[in-house]
C-alpha atoms as a PDB file:
ATOM      1  CA  MET A   1      -0.202   0.119   0.421  1.00  0.00           C
ATOM      2  CA  PHE A   2       0.730   3.135  -0.769  1.00  0.00           C
ATOM      3  CA  VAL A   3       1.010   5.797   2.585  1.00  0.00           C
ATOM      4  CA  ASP A   4       1.018   9.930   2.370  1.00  0.00           C
ATOM      5  CA  ILE A   5       4.228  10.324   5.509  1.00  0.00           C
ATOM      6  CA  ASN A   6       5.667  13.696   5.811  1.00  0.00           C
ATOM      7  CA  GLY A   7       4.623  14.811   2.240  1.00  0.00           C
ATOM      8  CA  ALA A   8       5.869  11.908   0.457  1.00  0.00           C
ATOM      9  CA  ARG A   9       4.751   9.044  -1.080  1.00  0.00           C
ATOM     10  CA  LEU A  10       5.513   5.154   0.512  1.00  0.00           C
ATOM     11  CA  ASN A  11       5.621   2.119  -0.566  1.00  0.00           C
ATOM     12  CA  VAL A  12       4.424   0.169   2.912  1.00  0.00           C
ATOM     13  CA  GLU A  13       3.862  -2.917   4.029  1.00  0.00           C
ATOM     14  CA  VAL A  14       2.485  -4.492   7.209  1.00  0.00           C
ATOM     15  CA  LEU A  15       2.388  -7.738   8.455  1.00  0.00           C
ATOM     16  CA  GLY A  16       1.262  -9.992  11.754  1.00  0.00           C
ATOM     17  CA  GLU A  17      -2.202  -9.024  14.228  1.00  0.00           C
ATOM     18  CA  GLU A  18      -3.724  -5.569  14.444  1.00  0.00           C
ATOM     19  CA  GLY A  19      -3.539  -4.553  18.181  1.00  0.00           C
ATOM     20  CA  ALA A  20      -0.198  -6.574  18.679  1.00  0.00           C
ATOM     21  CA  PRO A  21       2.603  -3.976  19.659  1.00  0.00           C
ATOM     22  CA  VAL A  22       4.575  -2.369  16.604  1.00  0.00           C
ATOM     23  CA  LEU A  23       8.524  -2.900  15.385  1.00  0.00           C
ATOM     24  CA  ILE A  24       9.560  -0.860  12.975  1.00  0.00           C
ATOM     25  CA  ALA A  25      12.132  -2.524  10.479  1.00  0.00           C
ATOM     26  CA  HIS A  26      14.259   0.813   8.832  1.00  0.00           C
ATOM     27  CA  HIS A  27      15.754  -0.820   4.967  1.00  0.00           C
ATOM     28  CA  GLY A  28      19.443  -0.210   4.568  1.00  0.00           C
ATOM     29  CA  GLY A  29      21.326   0.645   0.931  1.00  0.00           C
ATOM     30  CA  GLY A  30      20.517   4.582   0.722  1.00  0.00           C
ATOM     31  CA  GLY A  31      19.769   3.893  -3.080  1.00  0.00           C
ATOM     32  CA  ILE A  32      19.420   0.473  -3.647  1.00  0.00           C
ATOM     33  CA  GLY A  33      18.257  -0.640  -0.763  1.00  0.00           C
ATOM     34  CA  SER A  34      13.992  -1.285  -0.449  1.00  0.00           C
ATOM     35  CA  LEU A  35      11.292  -3.450   2.009  1.00  0.00           C
ATOM     36  CA  ALA A  36      12.101  -6.674   0.786  1.00  0.00           C
ATOM     37  CA  GLU A  37      14.979  -7.345   2.820  1.00  0.00           C
ATOM     38  CA  PRO A  38      13.561  -5.726   5.785  1.00  0.00           C
ATOM     39  CA  ARG A  39      10.325  -8.062   5.268  1.00  0.00           C
ATOM     40  CA  SER A  40      12.672 -11.116   5.193  1.00  0.00           C
ATOM     41  CA  THR A  41      13.749 -10.344   8.471  1.00  0.00           C
ATOM     42  CA  PHE A  42      11.286  -8.937  10.462  1.00  0.00           C
ATOM     43  CA  GLY A  43       8.820 -10.587   9.105  1.00  0.00           C
ATOM     44  CA  PRO A  44       9.098 -14.332  10.569  1.00  0.00           C
ATOM     45  CA  LEU A  45       8.360 -11.602  14.072  1.00  0.00           C
ATOM     46  CA  SER A  46       4.358 -11.413  12.968  1.00  0.00           C
ATOM     47  CA  ASP A  47       3.392 -13.663  15.645  1.00  0.00           C
ATOM     48  CA  LEU A  48       4.749 -11.020  18.235  1.00  0.00           C
ATOM     49  CA  PHE A  49       4.340  -8.062  16.837  1.00  0.00           C
ATOM     50  CA  ARG A  50       2.595  -6.328  13.782  1.00  0.00           C
ATOM     51  CA  VAL A  51       5.500  -5.539  12.143  1.00  0.00           C
ATOM     52  CA  VAL A  52       5.670  -2.310   9.353  1.00  0.00           C
ATOM     53  CA  VAL A  53       7.987  -2.676   7.038  1.00  0.00           C
ATOM     54  CA  PHE A  54       8.651   0.092   4.133  1.00  0.00           C
ATOM     55  CA  ASP A  55      10.149   1.931   0.736  1.00  0.00           C
ATOM     56  CA  ALA A  56      12.687   5.339   2.319  1.00  0.00           C
ATOM     57  CA  ARG A  57      11.963   8.184   0.913  1.00  0.00           C
ATOM     58  CA  GLY A  58      13.775   7.865  -2.231  1.00  0.00           C
ATOM     59  CA  CYS A  59      14.022   4.274  -2.254  1.00  0.00           C
ATOM     60  CA  GLY A  60      12.115   1.328  -3.656  1.00  0.00           C
ATOM     61  CA  LEU A  61       8.773   2.794  -5.312  1.00  0.00           C
ATOM     62  CA  SER A  62       8.722   5.292  -3.063  1.00  0.00           C
ATOM     63  CA  GLU A  63       8.463   8.850  -4.332  1.00  0.00           C
ATOM     64  CA  GLY A  64      11.180  10.897  -4.356  1.00  0.00           C
ATOM     65  CA  VAL A  65      10.592  14.077  -2.514  1.00  0.00           C
ATOM     66  CA  PRO A  66      14.200  15.137  -0.894  1.00  0.00           C
ATOM     67  CA  PRO A  67      15.584  15.898   1.197  1.00  0.00           C
ATOM     68  CA  TYR A  68      16.653  12.007   1.954  1.00  0.00           C
ATOM     69  CA  SER A  69      18.734  12.989   5.525  1.00  0.00           C
ATOM     70  CA  HIS A  70      19.093  11.373   8.370  1.00  0.00           C
ATOM     71  CA  ALA A  71      16.439  13.770  10.154  1.00  0.00           C
ATOM     72  CA  GLN A  72      14.204  13.331   7.514  1.00  0.00           C
ATOM     73  CA  TRP A  73      14.642   9.921   7.586  1.00  0.00           C
ATOM     74  CA  ALA A  74      14.045   9.393  11.757  1.00  0.00           C
ATOM     75  CA  ALA A  75      11.260  11.639  11.465  1.00  0.00           C
ATOM     76  CA  ASP A  76       9.294   9.369   8.833  1.00  0.00           C
ATOM     77  CA  VAL A  77       9.467   6.941  10.690  1.00  0.00           C
ATOM     78  CA  ASP A  78       7.375   8.400  13.997  1.00  0.00           C
ATOM     79  CA  ALA A  79       5.395   9.699  11.878  1.00  0.00           C
ATOM     80  CA  LEU A  80       4.914   5.546  10.331  1.00  0.00           C
ATOM     81  CA  ARG A  81       4.471   4.917  14.103  1.00  0.00           C
ATOM     82  CA  GLU A  82       1.599   7.498  15.147  1.00  0.00           C
ATOM     83  CA  TRP A  83       0.108   5.530  11.606  1.00  0.00           C
ATOM     84  CA  ALA A  84       0.244   2.664  12.928  1.00  0.00           C
ATOM     85  CA  GLY A  85      -1.509   3.992  16.349  1.00  0.00           C
ATOM     86  CA  ALA A  86       1.775   2.942  18.585  1.00  0.00           C
ATOM     87  CA  GLU A  87       2.704   5.178  21.579  1.00  0.00           C
ATOM     88  CA  LYS A  88       5.816   2.533  21.272  1.00  0.00           C
ATOM     89  CA  ILE A  89       7.814   0.277  18.991  1.00  0.00           C
ATOM     90  CA  VAL A  90      10.794  -1.671  18.343  1.00  0.00           C
ATOM     91  CA  VAL A  91      13.352   0.295  15.599  1.00  0.00           C
ATOM     92  CA  ALA A  92      14.621  -2.189  13.544  1.00  0.00           C
ATOM     93  CA  GLY A  93      17.754  -1.947  10.769  1.00  0.00           C
ATOM     94  CA  GLY A  94      20.491  -3.196   9.453  1.00  0.00           C
ATOM     95  CA  SER A  95      23.632  -1.356   7.533  1.00  0.00           C
ATOM     96  CA  TYR A  96      21.964   1.644   7.026  1.00  0.00           C
ATOM     97  CA  GLY A  97      18.933   1.374   8.262  1.00  0.00           C
ATOM     98  CA  GLY A  98      21.226   1.161  11.295  1.00  0.00           C
ATOM     99  CA  PHE A  99      22.405   5.157  10.625  1.00  0.00           C
ATOM    100  CA  ILE A 100      18.241   5.787  11.269  1.00  0.00           C
ATOM    101  CA  ALA A 101      17.553   3.141  13.692  1.00  0.00           C
ATOM    102  CA  MET A 102      20.527   4.757  15.832  1.00  0.00           C
ATOM    103  CA  GLU A 103      19.256   8.528  15.014  1.00  0.00           C
ATOM    104  CA  TYR A 104      15.622   7.152  15.557  1.00  0.00           C
ATOM    105  CA  ALA A 105      16.655   6.618  18.896  1.00  0.00           C
ATOM    106  CA  ILE A 106      18.709   8.744  19.867  1.00  0.00           C
ATOM    107  CA  ALA A 107      15.683  11.508  18.826  1.00  0.00           C
ATOM    108  CA  TYR A 108      12.884  10.542  19.979  1.00  0.00           C
ATOM    109  CA  PRO A 109      13.728   8.204  23.127  1.00  0.00           C
ATOM    110  CA  ASP A 110      10.245   8.144  24.921  1.00  0.00           C
ATOM    111  CA  ARG A 111       9.393   6.255  22.327  1.00  0.00           C
ATOM    112  CA  VAL A 112      11.720   3.286  21.976  1.00  0.00           C
ATOM    113  CA  SER A 113      11.081  -0.068  23.383  1.00  0.00           C
ATOM    114  CA  ALA A 114      13.828  -1.645  22.483  1.00  0.00           C
ATOM    115  CA  MET A 115      16.295  -1.686  19.448  1.00  0.00           C
ATOM    116  CA  ILE A 116      17.783  -4.113  17.059  1.00  0.00           C
ATOM    117  CA  LEU A 117      20.396  -3.472  14.560  1.00  0.00           C
ATOM    118  CA  ARG A 118      22.639  -4.884  12.060  1.00  0.00           C
ATOM    119  CA  ASP A 119      25.895  -4.349  10.922  1.00  0.00           C
ATOM    120  CA  THR A 120      26.317  -0.929  10.901  1.00  0.00           C
ATOM    121  CA  SER A 121      28.184   2.123  12.247  1.00  0.00           C
ATOM    122  CA  PRO A 122      28.427   4.849  14.274  1.00  0.00           C
ATOM    123  CA  ASP A 123      29.655   6.898  12.014  1.00  0.00           C
ATOM    124  CA  ARG A 124      31.843   6.445   9.057  1.00  0.00           C
ATOM    125  CA  THR A 125      34.940   5.889   9.895  1.00  0.00           C
ATOM    126  CA  ASN A 126      33.796   2.838   8.170  1.00  0.00           C
ATOM    127  CA  LEU A 127      34.428   3.965   4.981  1.00  0.00           C
ATOM    128  CA  ALA A 128      37.867   3.738   5.628  1.00  0.00           C
ATOM    129  CA  LEU A 129      38.002   0.798   7.389  1.00  0.00           C
ATOM    130  CA  ALA A 130      36.709  -0.660   4.501  1.00  0.00           C
ATOM    131  CA  THR A 131      39.136   0.437   1.524  1.00  0.00           C
ATOM    132  CA  GLU A 132      41.472  -1.115   3.847  1.00  0.00           C
ATOM    133  CA  ASN A 133      40.004  -4.549   3.516  1.00  0.00           C
ATOM    134  CA  ALA A 134      38.917  -3.938  -0.314  1.00  0.00           C
ATOM    135  CA  ARG A 135      42.134  -3.489  -1.203  1.00  0.00           C
ATOM    136  CA  LYS A 136      43.489  -6.336   1.193  1.00  0.00           C
ATOM    137  CA  GLN A 137      40.695  -8.549  -0.395  1.00  0.00           C
ATOM    138  CA  THR A 138      42.076 -11.136  -3.268  1.00  0.00           C
ATOM    139  CA  ARG A 139      37.826 -12.128  -4.045  1.00  0.00           C
ATOM    140  CA  VAL A 140      37.494 -10.247  -6.641  1.00  0.00           C
ATOM    141  CA  THR A 141      39.334  -6.990  -8.623  1.00  0.00           C
ATOM    142  CA  ILE A 142      38.385  -3.475  -8.128  1.00  0.00           C
ATOM    143  CA  ASN A 143      37.694  -0.622 -10.186  1.00  0.00           C
ATOM    144  CA  TRP A 144      38.927   2.180  -8.106  1.00  0.00           C
ATOM    145  CA  GLU A 145      37.248   4.587  -9.973  1.00  0.00           C
ATOM    146  CA  ASN A 146      33.656   3.492 -10.002  1.00  0.00           C
ATOM    147  CA  TYR A 147      34.687   2.303  -5.805  1.00  0.00           C
ATOM    148  CA  GLU A 148      35.531   5.894  -5.258  1.00  0.00           C
ATOM    149  CA  ARG A 149      32.414   7.231  -7.374  1.00  0.00           C
ATOM    150  CA  TYR A 150      29.814   5.022  -5.728  1.00  0.00           C
ATOM    151  CA  TRP A 151      31.012   6.413  -1.707  1.00  0.00           C
ATOM    152  CA  SER A 152      31.765   9.777  -2.680  1.00  0.00           C
ATOM    153  CA  GLY A 153      27.755   9.970  -4.449  1.00  0.00           C
ATOM    154  CA  ASN A 154      29.213  10.611  -7.911  1.00  0.00           C
ATOM    155  CA  ILE A 155      26.695   8.212  -8.738  1.00  0.00           C
ATOM    156  CA  ARG A 156      25.623   9.033 -12.919  1.00  0.00           C
ATOM    157  CA  ASP A 157      22.042   7.380 -12.578  1.00  0.00           C
ATOM    158  CA  ASP A 158      20.572   3.741 -11.523  1.00  0.00           C
ATOM    159  CA  GLU A 159      21.815   1.848 -14.117  1.00  0.00           C
ATOM    160  CA  ASP A 160      25.062   3.245 -13.735  1.00  0.00           C
ATOM    161  CA  LEU A 161      24.148   2.677  -9.193  1.00  0.00           C
ATOM    162  CA  LYS A 162      23.337  -0.858 -10.321  1.00  0.00           C
ATOM    163  CA  SER A 163      26.690  -1.839 -12.004  1.00  0.00           C
ATOM    164  CA  CYS A 164      28.842  -0.271  -9.865  1.00  0.00           C
ATOM    165  CA  TRP A 165      26.747  -1.920  -6.896  1.00  0.00           C
ATOM    166  CA  ALA A 166      27.004  -5.484  -8.681  1.00  0.00           C
ATOM    167  CA  GLU A 167      31.394  -4.822  -8.330  1.00  0.00           C
ATOM    168  CA  LEU A 168      30.821  -4.313  -5.613  1.00  0.00           C
ATOM    169  CA  ILE A 169      29.128  -7.042  -4.325  1.00  0.00           C
ATOM    170  CA  PRO A 170      31.071 -10.434  -4.013  1.00  0.00           C
ATOM    171  CA  LEU A 171      33.083  -8.320  -1.079  1.00  0.00           C
ATOM    172  CA  TYR A 172      29.379  -8.706   1.078  1.00  0.00           C
ATOM    173  CA  ASP A 173      28.849 -13.031   2.220  1.00  0.00           C
ATOM    174  CA  PHE A 174      30.719 -14.675   3.980  1.00  0.00           C
ATOM    175  CA  GLU A 175      31.089 -17.304   0.968  1.00  0.00           C
ATOM    176  CA  TYR A 176      30.520 -15.612  -2.372  1.00  0.00           C
ATOM    177  CA  ASP A 177      28.267 -16.883  -4.399  1.00  0.00           C
ATOM    178  CA  PRO A 178      27.901 -15.765  -8.187  1.00  0.00           C
ATOM    179  CA  VAL A 179      25.271 -17.033  -9.383  1.00  0.00           C
ATOM    180  CA  ALA A 180      22.880 -15.945  -6.003  1.00  0.00           C
ATOM    181  CA  ALA A 181      24.360 -13.136  -5.719  1.00  0.00           C
ATOM    182  CA  ALA A 182      23.590 -11.465  -9.262  1.00  0.00           C
ATOM    183  CA  ALA A 183      20.403 -13.023  -8.732  1.00  0.00           C
ATOM    184  CA  ARG A 184      20.411 -10.219  -5.992  1.00  0.00           C
ATOM    185  CA  VAL A 185      21.635  -7.424  -8.018  1.00  0.00           C
ATOM    186  CA  GLU A 186      18.955  -8.076 -10.796  1.00  0.00           C
ATOM    187  CA  ALA A 187      16.352  -7.593  -7.483  1.00  0.00           C
ATOM    188  CA  GLY A 188      17.300  -4.653  -6.959  1.00  0.00           C
ATOM    189  CA  ILE A 189      15.468  -1.430  -7.400  1.00  0.00           C
ATOM    190  CA  TYR A 190      18.201   1.634  -7.624  1.00  0.00           C
ATOM    191  CA  ARG A 191      17.508   5.116  -7.002  1.00  0.00           C
ATOM    192  CA  HIS A 192      20.890   7.148  -7.828  1.00  0.00           C
ATOM    193  CA  GLU A 193      19.378  10.430  -5.635  1.00  0.00           C
ATOM    194  CA  ALA A 194      18.858   8.419  -2.803  1.00  0.00           C
ATOM    195  CA  HIS A 195      22.203   7.235  -2.964  1.00  0.00           C
ATOM    196  CA  ASN A 196      24.369  10.283  -3.438  1.00  0.00           C
ATOM    197  CA  TRP A 197      22.499  11.955  -0.850  1.00  0.00           C
ATOM    198  CA  CYS A 198      23.651   9.919   1.255  1.00  0.00           C
ATOM    199  CA  PHE A 199      27.320  10.400   0.262  1.00  0.00           C
ATOM    200  CA  GLN A 200      27.434  14.002  -0.588  1.00  0.00           C
ATOM    201  CA  HIS A 201      25.516  15.600   2.469  1.00  0.00           C
ATOM    202  CA  ASN A 202      24.828  12.132   5.298  1.00  0.00           C
ATOM    203  CA  ALA A 203      27.794  10.567   5.415  1.00  0.00           C
ATOM    204  CA  PRO A 204      30.343  13.898   5.945  1.00  0.00           C
ATOM    205  CA  ILE A 205      29.117  14.966   9.341  1.00  0.00           C
ATOM    206  CA  TYR A 206      27.748  11.337  10.378  1.00  0.00           C
ATOM    207  CA  ASP A 207      29.086  10.429  13.886  1.00  0.00           C
ATOM    208  CA  VAL A 208      26.194   9.434  16.723  1.00  0.00           C
ATOM    209  CA  LYS A 209      28.438   8.917  18.581  1.00  0.00           C
ATOM    210  CA  PRO A 210      28.571  11.377  21.417  1.00  0.00           C
ATOM    211  CA  GLN A 211      24.652  10.977  22.301  1.00  0.00           C
ATOM    212  CA  LEU A 212      24.466   7.037  21.881  1.00  0.00           C
ATOM    213  CA  PRO A 213      25.153   7.471  26.054  1.00  0.00           C
ATOM    214  CA  SER A 214      21.552   8.390  26.015  1.00  0.00           C
ATOM    215  CA  VAL A 215      20.222   5.829  24.540  1.00  0.00           C
ATOM    216  CA  THR A 216      18.495   4.023  27.186  1.00  0.00           C
ATOM    217  CA  CYS A 217      16.185   1.317  25.394  1.00  0.00           C
ATOM    218  CA  PRO A 218      17.160  -2.734  25.124  1.00  0.00           C
ATOM    219  CA  THR A 219      19.701  -1.865  22.301  1.00  0.00           C
ATOM    220  CA  LEU A 220      20.912  -5.701  20.481  1.00  0.00           C
ATOM    221  CA  VAL A 221      23.820  -5.373  18.376  1.00  0.00           C
ATOM    222  CA  THR A 222      25.014  -8.050  16.278  1.00  0.00           C
ATOM    223  CA  VAL A 223      27.401  -8.324  13.069  1.00  0.00           C
ATOM    224  CA  GLY A 224      28.788 -10.780  10.951  1.00  0.00           C
ATOM    225  CA  ARG A 225      32.399 -12.007  11.851  1.00  0.00           C
ATOM    226  CA  THR A 226      34.320 -11.140   8.564  1.00  0.00           C
ATOM    227  CA  ASP A 227      31.820  -7.945   7.589  1.00  0.00           C
ATOM    228  CA  TRP A 228      34.626  -6.216   5.182  1.00  0.00           C
ATOM    229  CA  VAL A 229      32.363  -2.302   4.795  1.00  0.00           C
ATOM    230  CA  THR A 230      31.092  -2.108   8.326  1.00  0.00           C
ATOM    231  CA  PRO A 231      33.716  -3.956  10.707  1.00  0.00           C
ATOM    232  CA  VAL A 232      32.814  -5.692  13.630  1.00  0.00           C
ATOM    233  CA  SER A 233      34.559  -3.049  15.081  1.00  0.00           C
ATOM    234  CA  SER A 234      32.133  -0.999  14.324  1.00  0.00           C
ATOM    235  CA  SER A 235      29.595  -3.023  16.601  1.00  0.00           C
ATOM    236  CA  GLU A 236      31.864  -3.293  19.728  1.00  0.00           C
ATOM    237  CA  THR A 237      32.144   0.870  19.277  1.00  0.00           C
ATOM    238  CA  ILE A 238      27.872   1.179  19.198  1.00  0.00           C
ATOM    239  CA  ALA A 239      27.860  -2.069  22.066  1.00  0.00           C
ATOM    240  CA  SER A 240      30.817   0.161  24.244  1.00  0.00           C
ATOM    241  CA  LEU A 241      28.742   3.090  24.305  1.00  0.00           C
ATOM    242  CA  ILE A 242      25.132   2.810  24.642  1.00  0.00           C
ATOM    243  CA  PRO A 243      24.312   1.722  28.304  1.00  0.00           C
ATOM    244  CA  ASN A 244      22.130  -1.393  27.861  1.00  0.00           C
ATOM    245  CA  ALA A 245      23.377  -3.365  25.129  1.00  0.00           C
ATOM    246  CA  LYS A 246      24.416  -6.983  23.903  1.00  0.00           C
ATOM    247  CA  LEU A 247      26.608  -7.237  21.057  1.00  0.00           C
ATOM    248  CA  VAL A 248      26.206 -10.650  19.785  1.00  0.00           C
ATOM    249  CA  VAL A 249      29.078 -11.552  16.899  1.00  0.00           C
ATOM    250  CA  PHE A 250      28.253 -14.260  14.491  1.00  0.00           C
ATOM    251  CA  GLU A 251      31.199 -16.177  13.372  1.00  0.00           C
ATOM    252  CA  LYS A 252      29.794 -17.538   9.612  1.00  0.00           C
ATOM    253  CA  SER A 253      28.563 -14.477   8.654  1.00  0.00           C
ATOM    254  CA  GLY A 254      29.902 -11.217   6.374  1.00  0.00           C
ATOM    255  CA  HIS A 255      27.525  -8.418   6.362  1.00  0.00           C
ATOM    256  CA  SER A 256      24.168 -10.012   6.252  1.00  0.00           C
ATOM    257  CA  PRO A 257      24.349 -12.685   9.387  1.00  0.00           C
ATOM    258  CA  GLN A 258      19.486 -12.791   9.110  1.00  0.00           C
ATOM    259  CA  ILE A 259      21.202 -14.665   5.320  1.00  0.00           C
ATOM    260  CA  GLU A 260      23.711 -16.591   6.240  1.00  0.00           C
ATOM    261  CA  GLU A 261      22.931 -17.494   9.993  1.00  0.00           C
ATOM    262  CA  ALA A 262      19.340 -16.968   9.396  1.00  0.00           C
ATOM    263  CA  GLU A 263      17.654 -20.002  12.130  1.00  0.00           C
ATOM    264  CA  LEU A 264      20.253 -18.332  14.229  1.00  0.00           C
ATOM    265  CA  PHE A 265      19.931 -14.806  14.133  1.00  0.00           C
ATOM    266  CA  GLN A 266      16.225 -15.332  14.562  1.00  0.00           C
ATOM    267  CA  GLN A 267      16.695 -17.570  17.432  1.00  0.00           C
ATOM    268  CA  THR A 268      19.205 -14.323  18.677  1.00  0.00           C
ATOM    269  CA  MET A 269      16.456 -11.918  18.422  1.00  0.00           C
ATOM    270  CA  ARG A 270      13.030 -13.872  19.985  1.00  0.00           C
ATOM    271  CA  ASP A 271      16.161 -14.242  22.827  1.00  0.00           C
ATOM    272  CA  PHE A 272      16.699 -10.954  23.041  1.00  0.00           C
ATOM    273  CA  LEU A 273      13.325 -10.074  22.876  1.00  0.00           C
ATOM    274  CA  ALA A 274      12.289 -12.405  25.521  1.00  0.00           C
ATOM    275  CA  GLU A 275      14.340 -10.869  27.537  1.00  0.00           C
ATOM    276  CA  ALA A 276      14.181  -7.269  26.943  1.00  0.00           C
ATOM    277  CA  LEU A 277      10.653  -6.878  26.580  1.00  0.00           C
ATOM    278  CA  PRO A 278       8.737  -9.994  28.534  1.00  0.00           C
ATOM    279  CA  GLU A 279       5.700  -9.039  28.693  1.00  0.00           C
ATOM    280  CA  ILE A 280       5.590  -9.122  24.444  1.00  0.00           C
ATOM    281  CA  ALA A 281       7.379 -12.267  24.195  1.00  0.00           C
ATOM    282  CA  ALA A 282       4.912 -14.143  27.304  1.00  0.00           C
ATOM    283  CA  VAL A 283       1.886 -13.230  25.378  1.00  0.00           C
ATOM    284  CA  GLY A 284       3.261 -15.784  22.513  1.00  0.00           C
ATOM    285  CA  ARG A 285       1.254 -14.855  19.140  1.00  0.00           C
END
């Protein structure tokens, strides 16, 4: 369905029973992300929650209405919370979506009952670490001109974004499957305006480390052991700064433990939620 949120028509899907506690998950990827990933990751929790997933403005099938700033995307999450009729939510996000989940928990602390993060970073230093990791790897040959254009937000059009992403995707998995990677590239929806905004405007000023100690909600921080782009050290920093955080490292995963160790990832989330929100877990919807 399409819902008018803060002046933009957003593509939204809802899973689970009306009246259940609400979980809102933000996809990763900036201009390469869509609700498909959070639907797969958090949809199984619809026995406990009303799970709301959506294409952020400028992403997926949603309307492209700037700005594509962290503040705007966080405000859109809060408007979706209000639309869903929830006083508080569990907020979740992986990769770039983790940036927005943290921004939301900082800006709207009274609206968050718990937070789930996956393979994300508290600042832009992960990009320098990613470049180091890309230079050390032997899996693929990097086109460094395209690499720099991608991470600096100098993509020409949607096809250019798809092409640059196809060159990088082999780095993301614990075990590289070229057929599966190619299928993921073809399944994507590419929006270069939002992507460029992320790395021209958002990344240069992104640093939530000073605010993370103020986040009081229970927080699950997850990361794959061989994640090249938001390495374990990034998640360790987040977990060290949020007072009520739990860090879980998935030993046989790269950037996507929700896929590469799916069963363990699902159980890890359920164990966390049972401890953080026992009144919800006890319902056993």
